[in-house]
Amino acid sequence: MPTYEYECTACGLVFEEQRPITAPARQRCPRCRHKVKRLISGGSGIVFKGSGFYVTDSRGKKESRQPAADQAPAPAPADGKSDAAKPPVSSA
């Protein structure tokens, strides 16, 4: 059942009440019997029950972002030459 929040227009009493959605809204203050107005409330927190609500529950095993030590080095360029074998460029 939802919780509704009311405020009395005469005495200023603020109170909450759980009422079915199909029930009519409260009209009178329980303390002084004057008219009440329904307030807009923040509502309540949502409770998730069961598995699958945490980041780690619904994801598969993450792959390591660091290369493993047994992996082969990166392939050489297609022309068969590496950057280390090139002579330095002179700026003269």
Foldseek 3Di string as FASTA:
>chain_A
DFKWWKAAPPPGDIDIDDDDPPDDDDAADPPPGGGIDTDDDPGDDDDDDDFDPDPVGPDDDDDDPDDDPPDDDDDADPVPDHPVPDDDDDPD
